[in-house]
PDB file of N, CA and C in Angstrom:
ATOM      1  N   MET A   1      -7.941   3.982  -5.569  1.00  0.00           N
ATOM      2  CA  MET A   1      -6.931   4.837  -4.511  1.00  0.00           C
ATOM      3  C   MET A   1      -7.573   5.704  -3.978  1.00  0.00           C
ATOM      4  N   ALA A   2      -6.984   5.851  -2.997  1.00  0.00           N
ATOM      5  CA  ALA A   2      -7.722   6.914  -1.792  1.00  0.00           C
ATOM      6  C   ALA A   2      -6.203   7.394  -1.525  1.00  0.00           C
ATOM      7  N   HIS A   3      -6.314   9.395  -1.573  1.00  0.00           N
ATOM      8  CA  HIS A   3      -4.757   9.434  -1.353  1.00  0.00           C
ATOM      9  C   HIS A   3      -5.096  11.381  -1.227  1.00  0.00           C
ATOM     10  N   GLY A   4      -4.845  11.520  -0.054  1.00  0.00           N
ATOM     11  CA  GLY A   4      -4.739  13.141   0.428  1.00  0.00           C
ATOM     12  C   GLY A   4      -4.183  14.155  -0.320  1.00  0.00           C
ATOM     13  N   HIS A   5      -5.207  15.478   0.224  1.00  0.00           N
ATOM     14  CA  HIS A   5      -4.852  16.661  -1.104  1.00  0.00           C
ATOM     15  C   HIS A   5      -3.580  17.384   0.152  1.00  0.00           C
ATOM     16  N   GLY A   6      -3.096  16.814   0.655  1.00  0.00           N
ATOM     17  CA  GLY A   6      -2.095  18.037   1.591  1.00  0.00           C
ATOM     18  C   GLY A   6      -2.267  17.965   2.646  1.00  0.00           C
ATOM     19  N   ARG A   7      -3.287  17.633   3.326  1.00  0.00           N
ATOM     20  CA  ARG A   7      -3.324  17.716   4.869  1.00  0.00           C
ATOM     21  C   ARG A   7      -2.876  16.737   5.669  1.00  0.00           C
ATOM     22  N   ALA A   8      -1.777  17.466   6.825  1.00  0.00           N
ATOM     23  CA  ALA A   8      -1.495  16.557   7.736  1.00  0.00           C
ATOM     24  C   ALA A   8      -2.365  15.023   8.090  1.00  0.00           C
ATOM     25  N   GLY A   9      -1.783  14.017   8.373  1.00  0.00           N
ATOM     26  CA  GLY A   9      -2.311  12.792   8.808  1.00  0.00           C
ATOM     27  C   GLY A   9      -3.412  12.337   8.065  1.00  0.00           C
ATOM     28  N   GLU A  10      -2.621  12.642   6.693  1.00  0.00           N
ATOM     29  CA  GLU A  10      -3.941  11.662   5.808  1.00  0.00           C
ATOM     30  C   GLU A  10      -2.483  10.399   4.774  1.00  0.00           C
ATOM     31  N   GLU A  11      -3.345   9.643   4.803  1.00  0.00           N
ATOM     32  CA  GLU A  11      -2.288   8.394   4.077  1.00  0.00           C
ATOM     33  C   GLU A  11      -3.005   7.712   2.849  1.00  0.00           C
ATOM     34  N   ILE A  12      -1.843   6.949   2.145  1.00  0.00           N
ATOM     35  CA  ILE A  12      -2.276   6.208   0.895  1.00  0.00           C
ATOM     36  C   ILE A  12      -2.608   4.866   1.345  1.00  0.00           C
ATOM     37  N   LYS A  13      -3.667   4.442   0.522  1.00  0.00           N
ATOM     38  CA  LYS A  13      -3.627   3.210   0.733  1.00  0.00           C
ATOM     39  C   LYS A  13      -4.181   2.162  -0.577  1.00  0.00           C
ATOM     40  N   ARG A  14      -3.793   1.403  -0.695  1.00  0.00           N
ATOM     41  CA  ARG A  14      -4.306   0.248  -1.931  1.00  0.00           C
ATOM     42  C   ARG A  14      -4.212  -1.474  -1.309  1.00  0.00           C
ATOM     43  N   GLY A  15      -5.281  -1.922  -1.975  1.00  0.00           N
ATOM     44  CA  GLY A  15      -5.413  -3.251  -1.926  1.00  0.00           C
ATOM     45  C   GLY A  15      -4.905  -3.266  -3.550  1.00  0.00           C
ATOM     46  N   ASP A  16      -4.674  -5.054  -3.453  1.00  0.00           N
ATOM     47  CA  ASP A  16      -4.967  -5.485  -4.991  1.00  0.00           C
ATOM     48  C   ASP A  16      -4.400  -6.863  -5.013  1.00  0.00           C
ATOM     49  N   THR A  17      -5.457  -7.746  -6.037  1.00  0.00           N
ATOM     50  CA  THR A  17      -4.863  -8.556  -5.761  1.00  0.00           C
ATOM     51  C   THR A  17      -4.483  -8.861  -7.027  1.00  0.00           C
ATOM     52  N   LEU A  18      -3.720  -9.908  -6.890  1.00  0.00           N
ATOM     53  CA  LEU A  18      -2.182 -10.504  -7.946  1.00  0.00           C
ATOM     54  C   LEU A  18      -3.392 -11.410  -9.119  1.00  0.00           C
ATOM     55  N   CYS A  19      -2.758 -10.908 -10.292  1.00  0.00           N
ATOM     56  CA  CYS A  19      -3.415 -11.608 -11.444  1.00  0.00           C
ATOM     57  C   CYS A  19      -2.151 -11.270 -12.284  1.00  0.00           C
ATOM     58  N   SER A  20      -1.710 -13.212 -12.833  1.00  0.00           N
ATOM     59  CA  SER A  20      -0.686 -13.295 -13.750  1.00  0.00           C
ATOM     60  C   SER A  20       0.187 -12.673 -13.639  1.00  0.00           C
ATOM     61  N   GLY A  21       0.813 -12.190 -12.362  1.00  0.00           N
ATOM     62  CA  GLY A  21       1.705 -11.488 -11.829  1.00  0.00           C
ATOM     63  C   GLY A  21       2.080  -9.782 -12.280  1.00  0.00           C
ATOM     64  N   SER A  22       0.951  -9.756 -12.608  1.00  0.00           N
ATOM     65  CA  SER A  22       0.735  -7.644 -12.502  1.00  0.00           C
ATOM     66  C   SER A  22      -0.207  -7.374 -11.480  1.00  0.00           C
ATOM     67  N   ALA A  23       0.057  -7.878 -10.156  1.00  0.00           N
ATOM     68  CA  ALA A  23      -0.943  -7.354  -9.278  1.00  0.00           C
ATOM     69  C   ALA A  23      -1.153  -6.041  -9.159  1.00  0.00           C
ATOM     70  N   HIS A  24      -0.125  -4.729  -9.365  1.00  0.00           N
ATOM     71  CA  HIS A  24      -0.015  -3.595  -9.370  1.00  0.00           C
ATOM     72  C   HIS A  24       0.014  -2.945 -10.296  1.00  0.00           C
ATOM     73  N   SER A  25      -1.105  -3.140 -11.552  1.00  0.00           N
ATOM     74  CA  SER A  25      -1.186  -2.423 -12.374  1.00  0.00           C
ATOM     75  C   SER A  25      -1.718  -1.421 -12.428  1.00  0.00           C
ATOM     76  N   ILE A  26      -3.089  -1.477 -11.585  1.00  0.00           N
ATOM     77  CA  ILE A  26      -3.879  -0.173 -11.345  1.00  0.00           C
ATOM     78  C   ILE A  26      -2.815   0.523 -10.390  1.00  0.00           C
ATOM     79  N   PHE A  27      -2.197   0.031  -9.728  1.00  0.00           N
ATOM     80  CA  PHE A  27      -1.190   1.310  -8.679  1.00  0.00           C
ATOM     81  C   PHE A  27       0.077   1.204  -9.618  1.00  0.00           C
ATOM     82  N   GLY A  28       0.184   0.871 -10.536  1.00  0.00           N
ATOM     83  CA  GLY A  28       1.109   0.931 -11.782  1.00  0.00           C
ATOM     84  C   GLY A  28       1.101   2.369 -12.510  1.00  0.00           C
ATOM     85  N   THR A  29      -0.470   2.192 -12.814  1.00  0.00           N
ATOM     86  CA  THR A  29      -0.750   3.272 -13.672  1.00  0.00           C
ATOM     87  C   THR A  29      -1.256   4.389 -13.359  1.00  0.00           C
ATOM     88  N   PHE A  30      -1.596   4.477 -11.597  1.00  0.00           N
ATOM     89  CA  PHE A  30      -1.811   5.771 -10.757  1.00  0.00           C
ATOM     90  C   PHE A  30      -0.462   6.478 -10.696  1.00  0.00           C
ATOM     91  N   CYS A  31       0.788   5.383 -10.653  1.00  0.00           N
ATOM     92  CA  CYS A  31       2.001   6.084 -10.671  1.00  0.00           C
ATOM     93  C   CYS A  31       2.565   6.867 -12.261  1.00  0.00           C
ATOM     94  N   ASP A  32       2.706   5.915 -12.597  1.00  0.00           N
ATOM     95  CA  ASP A  32       3.168   6.484 -14.167  1.00  0.00           C
ATOM     96  C   ASP A  32       2.042   7.720 -14.801  1.00  0.00           C
ATOM     97  N   GLN A  33       1.055   8.162 -14.308  1.00  0.00           N
ATOM     98  CA  GLN A  33       0.011   9.418 -14.105  1.00  0.00           C
ATOM     99  C   GLN A  33       0.563  10.473 -13.471  1.00  0.00           C
ATOM    100  N   ALA A  34       0.608   9.751 -12.359  1.00  0.00           N
ATOM    101  CA  ALA A  34       0.711  10.784 -11.005  1.00  0.00           C
ATOM    102  C   ALA A  34       2.070  11.223 -10.247  1.00  0.00           C
ATOM    103  N   TYR A  35       3.267  10.424 -10.636  1.00  0.00           N
ATOM    104  CA  TYR A  35       4.234   9.853 -10.043  1.00  0.00           C
ATOM    105  C   TYR A  35       4.736  11.630  -9.804  1.00  0.00           C
ATOM    106  N   TYR A  36       4.873  12.346 -10.900  1.00  0.00           N
ATOM    107  CA  TYR A  36       5.930  13.236 -11.062  1.00  0.00           C
ATOM    108  C   TYR A  36       4.966  14.491  -9.946  1.00  0.00           C
ATOM    109  N   PRO A  37       3.910  14.838 -10.594  1.00  0.00           N
ATOM    110  CA  PRO A  37       3.163  15.330  -9.186  1.00  0.00           C
ATOM    111  C   PRO A  37       3.019  15.022  -8.246  1.00  0.00           C
ATOM    112  N   CYS A  38       3.421  13.844  -7.869  1.00  0.00           N
ATOM    113  CA  CYS A  38       3.314  13.668  -6.008  1.00  0.00           C
ATOM    114  C   CYS A  38       4.390  13.737  -5.325  1.00  0.00           C
ATOM    115  N   LEU A  39       5.698  13.844  -6.791  1.00  0.00           N
ATOM    116  CA  LEU A  39       7.146  13.711  -5.749  1.00  0.00           C
ATOM    117  C   LEU A  39       7.394  14.364  -4.936  1.00  0.00           C
ATOM    118  N   GLU A  40       7.115  16.079  -4.681  1.00  0.00           N
ATOM    119  CA  GLU A  40       7.005  16.543  -3.377  1.00  0.00           C
ATOM    120  C   GLU A  40       6.170  16.705  -2.457  1.00  0.00           C
ATOM    121  N   ALA A  41       4.587  16.513  -3.592  1.00  0.00           N
ATOM    122  CA  ALA A  41       3.433  16.496  -2.592  1.00  0.00           C
ATOM    123  C   ALA A  41       3.280  15.638  -1.545  1.00  0.00           C
ATOM    124  N   THR A  42       3.855  15.182  -1.395  1.00  0.00           N
ATOM    125  CA  THR A  42       3.536  13.791  -0.654  1.00  0.00           C
ATOM    126  C   THR A  42       4.333  12.279   0.015  1.00  0.00           C
ATOM    127  N   ILE A  43       5.955  13.721   0.236  1.00  0.00           N
ATOM    128  CA  ILE A  43       6.985  13.473   0.935  1.00  0.00           C
ATOM    129  C   ILE A  43       6.374  12.784   2.429  1.00  0.00           C
ATOM    130  N   GLY A  44       7.219  11.830   3.002  1.00  0.00           N
ATOM    131  CA  GLY A  44       6.735  11.600   4.155  1.00  0.00           C
ATOM    132  C   GLY A  44       4.989  11.529   4.678  1.00  0.00           C
ATOM    133  N   ARG A  45       4.335  10.861   3.628  1.00  0.00           N
ATOM    134  CA  ARG A  45       3.340  10.208   3.417  1.00  0.00           C
ATOM    135  C   ARG A  45       3.146   8.725   4.306  1.00  0.00           C
ATOM    136  N   PRO A  46       2.388   8.193   5.316  1.00  0.00           N
ATOM    137  CA  PRO A  46       2.188   7.751   5.426  1.00  0.00           C
ATOM    138  C   PRO A  46       1.356   6.476   4.778  1.00  0.00           C
ATOM    139  N   TYR A  47       1.992   5.149   4.412  1.00  0.00           N
ATOM    140  CA  TYR A  47       1.135   4.182   3.452  1.00  0.00           C
ATOM    141  C   TYR A  47       1.407   2.661   4.124  1.00  0.00           C
ATOM    142  N   ALA A  48       0.630   2.204   3.874  1.00  0.00           N
ATOM    143  CA  ALA A  48      -0.116   0.514   4.288  1.00  0.00           C
ATOM    144  C   ALA A  48       0.126  -0.421   3.018  1.00  0.00           C
ATOM    145  N   LEU A  49       0.610  -1.803   2.953  1.00  0.00           N
ATOM    146  CA  LEU A  49       0.357  -2.365   2.083  1.00  0.00           C
ATOM    147  C   LEU A  49       0.006  -3.477   2.146  1.00  0.00           C
ATOM    148  N   TYR A  50      -1.210  -4.180   1.830  1.00  0.00           N
ATOM    149  CA  TYR A  50      -1.562  -5.763   1.723  1.00  0.00           C
ATOM    150  C   TYR A  50      -1.783  -5.745   0.150  1.00  0.00           C
ATOM    151  N   VAL A  51      -1.562  -7.193   0.233  1.00  0.00           N
ATOM    152  CA  VAL A  51      -1.513  -8.074  -0.700  1.00  0.00           C
ATOM    153  C   VAL A  51      -1.559  -9.489  -1.407  1.00  0.00           C
ATOM    154  N   HIS A  52      -2.345  -9.910  -1.960  1.00  0.00           N
ATOM    155  CA  HIS A  52      -3.076 -10.916  -2.033  1.00  0.00           C
ATOM    156  C   HIS A  52      -2.869 -12.133  -3.306  1.00  0.00           C
ATOM    157  N   GLY A  53      -2.125 -13.270  -3.335  1.00  0.00           N
ATOM    158  CA  GLY A  53      -2.041 -13.730  -4.497  1.00  0.00           C
ATOM    159  C   GLY A  53      -2.403 -15.670  -4.702  1.00  0.00           C
ATOM    160  N   GLY A  54      -2.311 -15.548  -5.864  1.00  0.00           N
ATOM    161  CA  GLY A  54      -2.738 -17.125  -5.540  1.00  0.00           C
ATOM    162  C   GLY A  54      -0.888 -18.362  -5.239  1.00  0.00           C
ATOM    163  N   SER A  55      -0.448 -17.714  -5.238  1.00  0.00           N
ATOM    164  CA  SER A  55       1.047 -18.842  -5.050  1.00  0.00           C
ATOM    165  C   SER A  55       2.491 -17.422  -4.619  1.00  0.00           C
ATOM    166  N   ASP A  56       2.492 -16.689  -4.992  1.00  0.00           N
ATOM    167  CA  ASP A  56       3.714 -16.057  -4.876  1.00  0.00           C
ATOM    168  C   ASP A  56       3.207 -14.171  -4.793  1.00  0.00           C
ATOM    169  N   THR A  57       3.966 -13.385  -3.764  1.00  0.00           N
ATOM    170  CA  THR A  57       4.056 -11.883  -3.632  1.00  0.00           C
ATOM    171  C   THR A  57       4.802 -11.043  -3.590  1.00  0.00           C
ATOM    172  N   THR A  58       6.040 -11.874  -3.506  1.00  0.00           N
ATOM    173  CA  THR A  58       7.148 -11.534  -3.871  1.00  0.00           C
ATOM    174  C   THR A  58       7.767 -10.376  -4.673  1.00  0.00           C
ATOM    175  N   GLY A  59       7.158 -10.387  -6.034  1.00  0.00           N
ATOM    176  CA  GLY A  59       7.325  -9.263  -6.744  1.00  0.00           C
ATOM    177  C   GLY A  59       6.708  -8.284  -7.061  1.00  0.00           C
ATOM    178  N   ALA A  60       5.346  -8.502  -6.894  1.00  0.00           N
ATOM    179  CA  ALA A  60       4.027  -7.443  -6.494  1.00  0.00           C
ATOM    180  C   ALA A  60       4.357  -6.444  -5.533  1.00  0.00           C
ATOM    181  N   VAL A  61       5.161  -6.980  -3.979  1.00  0.00           N
ATOM    182  CA  VAL A  61       5.016  -5.981  -2.857  1.00  0.00           C
ATOM    183  C   VAL A  61       6.778  -5.334  -3.260  1.00  0.00           C
ATOM    184  N   ARG A  62       7.977  -6.018  -3.824  1.00  0.00           N
ATOM    185  CA  ARG A  62       9.093  -5.264  -4.358  1.00  0.00           C
ATOM    186  C   ARG A  62       8.840  -3.845  -5.417  1.00  0.00           C
ATOM    187  N   SER A  63       7.679  -4.329  -5.715  1.00  0.00           N
ATOM    188  CA  SER A  63       7.452  -3.422  -6.766  1.00  0.00           C
ATOM    189  C   SER A  63       6.754  -1.691  -6.200  1.00  0.00           C
ATOM    190  N   VAL A  64       5.643  -2.455  -5.168  1.00  0.00           N
ATOM    191  CA  VAL A  64       5.015  -1.185  -4.675  1.00  0.00           C
ATOM    192  C   VAL A  64       6.319  -0.632  -3.776  1.00  0.00           C
ATOM    193  N   GLU A  65       6.857  -1.440  -3.111  1.00  0.00           N
ATOM    194  CA  GLU A  65       7.848  -1.056  -2.178  1.00  0.00           C
ATOM    195  C   GLU A  65       9.001   0.101  -2.721  1.00  0.00           C
ATOM    196  N   THR A  66       9.305  -0.274  -4.099  1.00  0.00           N
ATOM    197  CA  THR A  66       9.916   0.671  -4.978  1.00  0.00           C
ATOM    198  C   THR A  66       9.334   1.987  -5.186  1.00  0.00           C
ATOM    199  N   ILE A  67       8.459   1.666  -5.547  1.00  0.00           N
ATOM    200  CA  ILE A  67       7.776   3.074  -5.787  1.00  0.00           C
ATOM    201  C   ILE A  67       7.541   3.522  -4.471  1.00  0.00           C
ATOM    202  N   ALA A  68       7.217   3.551  -3.809  1.00  0.00           N
ATOM    203  CA  ALA A  68       7.060   4.104  -2.235  1.00  0.00           C
ATOM    204  C   ALA A  68       8.497   4.876  -1.692  1.00  0.00           C
ATOM    205  N   THR A  69       9.212   3.835  -2.147  1.00  0.00           N
ATOM    206  CA  THR A  69      10.655   4.497  -1.361  1.00  0.00           C
ATOM    207  C   THR A  69      10.760   6.007  -2.748  1.00  0.00           C
ATOM    208  N   GLY A  70      10.377   5.396  -3.814  1.00  0.00           N
ATOM    209  CA  GLY A  70      10.896   6.616  -4.891  1.00  0.00           C
ATOM    210  C   GLY A  70      10.181   7.696  -4.274  1.00  0.00           C
ATOM    211  N   LEU A  71       9.030   7.516  -3.716  1.00  0.00           N
ATOM    212  CA  LEU A  71       8.219   8.853  -3.244  1.00  0.00           C
ATOM    213  C   LEU A  71       8.447   9.044  -2.375  1.00  0.00           C
ATOM    214  N   LYS A  72       9.399   8.644  -1.737  1.00  0.00           N
ATOM    215  CA  LYS A  72       9.967   8.856   0.124  1.00  0.00           C
ATOM    216  C   LYS A  72       8.170   9.042   0.871  1.00  0.00           C
ATOM    217  N   TRP A  73       7.570   7.815   0.607  1.00  0.00           N
ATOM    218  CA  TRP A  73       6.588   7.686   1.463  1.00  0.00           C
ATOM    219  C   TRP A  73       6.913   6.862   2.965  1.00  0.00           C
ATOM    220  N   LYS A  74       5.985   6.913   3.864  1.00  0.00           N
ATOM    221  CA  LYS A  74       6.683   6.196   5.258  1.00  0.00           C
ATOM    222  C   LYS A  74       5.695   5.234   4.985  1.00  0.00           C
ATOM    223  N   ARG A  75       6.482   3.716   5.590  1.00  0.00           N
ATOM    224  CA  ARG A  75       5.703   2.967   5.681  1.00  0.00           C
ATOM    225  C   ARG A  75       5.432   2.363   7.194  1.00  0.00           C
ATOM    226  N   LEU A  76       3.941   2.162   7.336  1.00  0.00           N
ATOM    227  CA  LEU A  76       3.805   1.995   8.852  1.00  0.00           C
ATOM    228  C   LEU A  76       3.976   0.938   9.454  1.00  0.00           C
ATOM    229  N   ARG A  77       3.994  -0.227   8.996  1.00  0.00           N
ATOM    230  CA  ARG A  77       4.393  -1.258   8.811  1.00  0.00           C
ATOM    231  C   ARG A  77       4.737  -2.215   8.071  1.00  0.00           C
ATOM    232  N   GLU A  78       4.687  -3.958   7.936  1.00  0.00           N
ATOM    233  CA  GLU A  78       5.552  -4.126   7.080  1.00  0.00           C
ATOM    234  C   GLU A  78       4.588  -4.808   6.507  1.00  0.00           C
ATOM    235  N   PRO A  79       4.634  -5.085   5.083  1.00  0.00           N
ATOM    236  CA  PRO A  79       3.416  -4.949   3.745  1.00  0.00           C
ATOM    237  C   PRO A  79       2.870  -6.786   4.725  1.00  0.00           C
ATOM    238  N   LEU A  80       1.707  -6.416   4.155  1.00  0.00           N
ATOM    239  CA  LEU A  80       1.005  -7.605   4.834  1.00  0.00           C
ATOM    240  C   LEU A  80       0.684  -8.891   3.708  1.00  0.00           C
ATOM    241  N   SER A  81       1.073  -9.650   3.398  1.00  0.00           N
ATOM    242  CA  SER A  81       1.062 -10.631   2.241  1.00  0.00           C
ATOM    243  C   SER A  81       0.464 -12.094   2.736  1.00  0.00           C
ATOM    244  N   ILE A  82      -0.697 -12.311   1.828  1.00  0.00           N
ATOM    245  CA  ILE A  82      -1.181 -13.575   1.894  1.00  0.00           C
ATOM    246  C   ILE A  82      -1.511 -14.467   1.024  1.00  0.00           C
ATOM    247  N   VAL A  83      -0.967 -15.362   1.060  1.00  0.00           N
ATOM    248  CA  VAL A  83      -1.290 -16.238  -0.479  1.00  0.00           C
ATOM    249  C   VAL A  83      -1.927 -17.631  -0.543  1.00  0.00           C
ATOM    250  N   GLY A  84      -2.656 -17.548  -1.285  1.00  0.00           N
ATOM    251  CA  GLY A  84      -3.626 -18.436  -0.945  1.00  0.00           C
ATOM    252  C   GLY A  84      -5.218 -17.901  -0.457  1.00  0.00           C
ATOM    253  N   GLU A  85      -5.777 -18.593  -0.564  1.00  0.00           N
ATOM    254  CA  GLU A  85      -7.141 -18.879   0.686  1.00  0.00           C
ATOM    255  C   GLU A  85      -7.680 -17.544   1.533  1.00  0.00           C
ATOM    256  N   VAL A  86      -8.257 -16.971   1.377  1.00  0.00           N
ATOM    257  CA  VAL A  86      -7.670 -16.002   3.140  1.00  0.00           C
ATOM    258  C   VAL A  86      -8.397 -16.527   4.099  1.00  0.00           C
ATOM    259  N   ASP A  87      -7.789 -16.693   4.997  1.00  0.00           N
ATOM    260  CA  ASP A  87      -8.601 -17.817   6.324  1.00  0.00           C
ATOM    261  C   ASP A  87      -8.874 -16.305   7.409  1.00  0.00           C
ATOM    262  N   ALA A  88      -9.203 -17.327   8.442  1.00  0.00           N
ATOM    263  CA  ALA A  88      -9.262 -16.402   9.366  1.00  0.00           C
ATOM    264  C   ALA A  88      -8.171 -15.259  10.191  1.00  0.00           C
ATOM    265  N   THR A  89      -7.359 -16.205  10.487  1.00  0.00           N
ATOM    266  CA  THR A  89      -5.702 -15.762  10.585  1.00  0.00           C
ATOM    267  C   THR A  89      -5.488 -14.465   9.335  1.00  0.00           C
ATOM    268  N   GLY A  90      -5.916 -14.431   8.242  1.00  0.00           N
ATOM    269  CA  GLY A  90      -5.676 -13.735   6.899  1.00  0.00           C
ATOM    270  C   GLY A  90      -6.551 -12.584   7.577  1.00  0.00           C
ATOM    271  N   HIS A  91      -7.847 -12.734   7.864  1.00  0.00           N
ATOM    272  CA  HIS A  91      -8.650 -11.538   8.295  1.00  0.00           C
ATOM    273  C   HIS A  91      -8.434 -10.732   9.361  1.00  0.00           C
ATOM    274  N   GLU A  92      -8.111 -11.383  10.143  1.00  0.00           N
ATOM    275  CA  GLU A  92      -7.418 -10.889  11.578  1.00  0.00           C
ATOM    276  C   GLU A  92      -6.242  -9.889  11.205  1.00  0.00           C
ATOM    277  N   ALA A  93      -5.549 -10.372  10.035  1.00  0.00           N
ATOM    278  CA  ALA A  93      -3.819  -9.408   9.948  1.00  0.00           C
ATOM    279  C   ALA A  93      -4.468  -8.115   9.170  1.00  0.00           C
ATOM    280  N   CYS A  94      -5.421  -8.240   8.340  1.00  0.00           N
ATOM    281  CA  CYS A  94      -5.955  -7.568   7.376  1.00  0.00           C
ATOM    282  C   CYS A  94      -6.447  -6.816   7.964  1.00  0.00           C
ATOM    283  N   TRP A  95      -7.691  -6.788   9.521  1.00  0.00           N
ATOM    284  CA  TRP A  95      -7.831  -5.863  10.629  1.00  0.00           C
ATOM    285  C   TRP A  95      -6.948  -4.754  11.176  1.00  0.00           C
ATOM    286  N   GLU A  96      -5.470  -6.093  12.017  1.00  0.00           N
ATOM    287  CA  GLU A  96      -4.802  -5.239  12.341  1.00  0.00           C
ATOM    288  C   GLU A  96      -4.130  -4.161  11.717  1.00  0.00           C
ATOM    289  N   LEU A  97      -3.905  -4.474  10.221  1.00  0.00           N
ATOM    290  CA  LEU A  97      -3.269  -3.512   9.117  1.00  0.00           C
ATOM    291  C   LEU A  97      -4.571  -2.072   9.349  1.00  0.00           C
ATOM    292  N   GLY A  98      -5.717  -2.452   9.043  1.00  0.00           N
ATOM    293  CA  GLY A  98      -6.645  -1.359   9.035  1.00  0.00           C
ATOM    294  C   GLY A  98      -6.433  -0.574  10.205  1.00  0.00           C
ATOM    295  N   ALA A  99      -6.235  -1.126  11.349  1.00  0.00           N
ATOM    296  CA  ALA A  99      -5.988  -0.574  12.321  1.00  0.00           C
ATOM    297  C   ALA A  99      -4.930   0.115  13.133  1.00  0.00           C
ATOM    298  N   THR A 100      -3.907  -0.379  12.551  1.00  0.00           N
ATOM    299  CA  THR A 100      -2.082   0.455  12.330  1.00  0.00           C
ATOM    300  C   THR A 100      -3.051   1.779  11.653  1.00  0.00           C
ATOM    301  N   VAL A 101      -3.353   1.857  10.353  1.00  0.00           N
ATOM    302  CA  VAL A 101      -3.422   2.851  10.013  1.00  0.00           C
ATOM    303  C   VAL A 101      -4.438   3.750  10.357  1.00  0.00           C
ATOM    304  N   ALA A 102      -5.421   3.514  11.051  1.00  0.00           N
ATOM    305  CA  ALA A 102      -6.222   4.236  11.272  1.00  0.00           C
ATOM    306  C   ALA A 102      -5.334   5.403  12.779  1.00  0.00           C
ATOM    307  N   ALA A 103      -5.203   3.905  13.655  1.00  0.00           N
ATOM    308  CA  ALA A 103      -4.081   4.735  14.993  1.00  0.00           C
ATOM    309  C   ALA A 103      -3.125   5.564  14.301  1.00  0.00           C
ATOM    310  N   SER A 104      -2.702   5.715  13.108  1.00  0.00           N
ATOM    311  CA  SER A 104      -1.722   6.846  12.519  1.00  0.00           C
ATOM    312  C   SER A 104      -2.161   8.171  11.814  1.00  0.00           C
ATOM    313  N   LEU A 105      -3.531   8.313  11.669  1.00  0.00           N
ATOM    314  CA  LEU A 105      -4.085   8.981  11.790  1.00  0.00           C
ATOM    315  C   LEU A 105      -5.080   9.550  12.984  1.00  0.00           C
ATOM    316  N   MET A 106      -4.788   9.187  13.724  1.00  0.00           N
ATOM    317  CA  MET A 106      -5.819   9.551  14.909  1.00  0.00           C
ATOM    318  C   MET A 106      -4.297  10.194  15.941  1.00  0.00           C
ATOM    319  N   SER A 107      -2.874   9.744  15.838  1.00  0.00           N
ATOM    320  CA  SER A 107      -2.241  10.411  15.685  1.00  0.00           C
ATOM    321  C   SER A 107      -1.431  11.710  15.510  1.00  0.00           C
ATOM    322  N   ALA A 108      -1.706  11.968  14.427  1.00  0.00           N
ATOM    323  CA  ALA A 108      -1.166  12.845  13.353  1.00  0.00           C
ATOM    324  C   ALA A 108      -1.952  14.440  13.827  1.00  0.00           C
TER     325      ALA A 108
END
């Protein structure tokens, strides 16, 4: 997990692979340990989300979105959800997500 230390233009980014429905376990641990200290310090920070799963990513996306809403983070774009094998289209979508995050940092 990468996160900023109070400087403008810093984003929060996290990628995770689904495993038995607990894709957000590392992200959840971070939030359990840092949620309250982050409440005010990270309000308005931009974030982007990608999730890769074998059969479904709905629950993982919903869980992360709920946490991000509680932290009042600003979603840069719709979450990227890839189910099954990652093909060329998936790679392109990941590249575009990264480009969106990079562009948001440059404009800050």
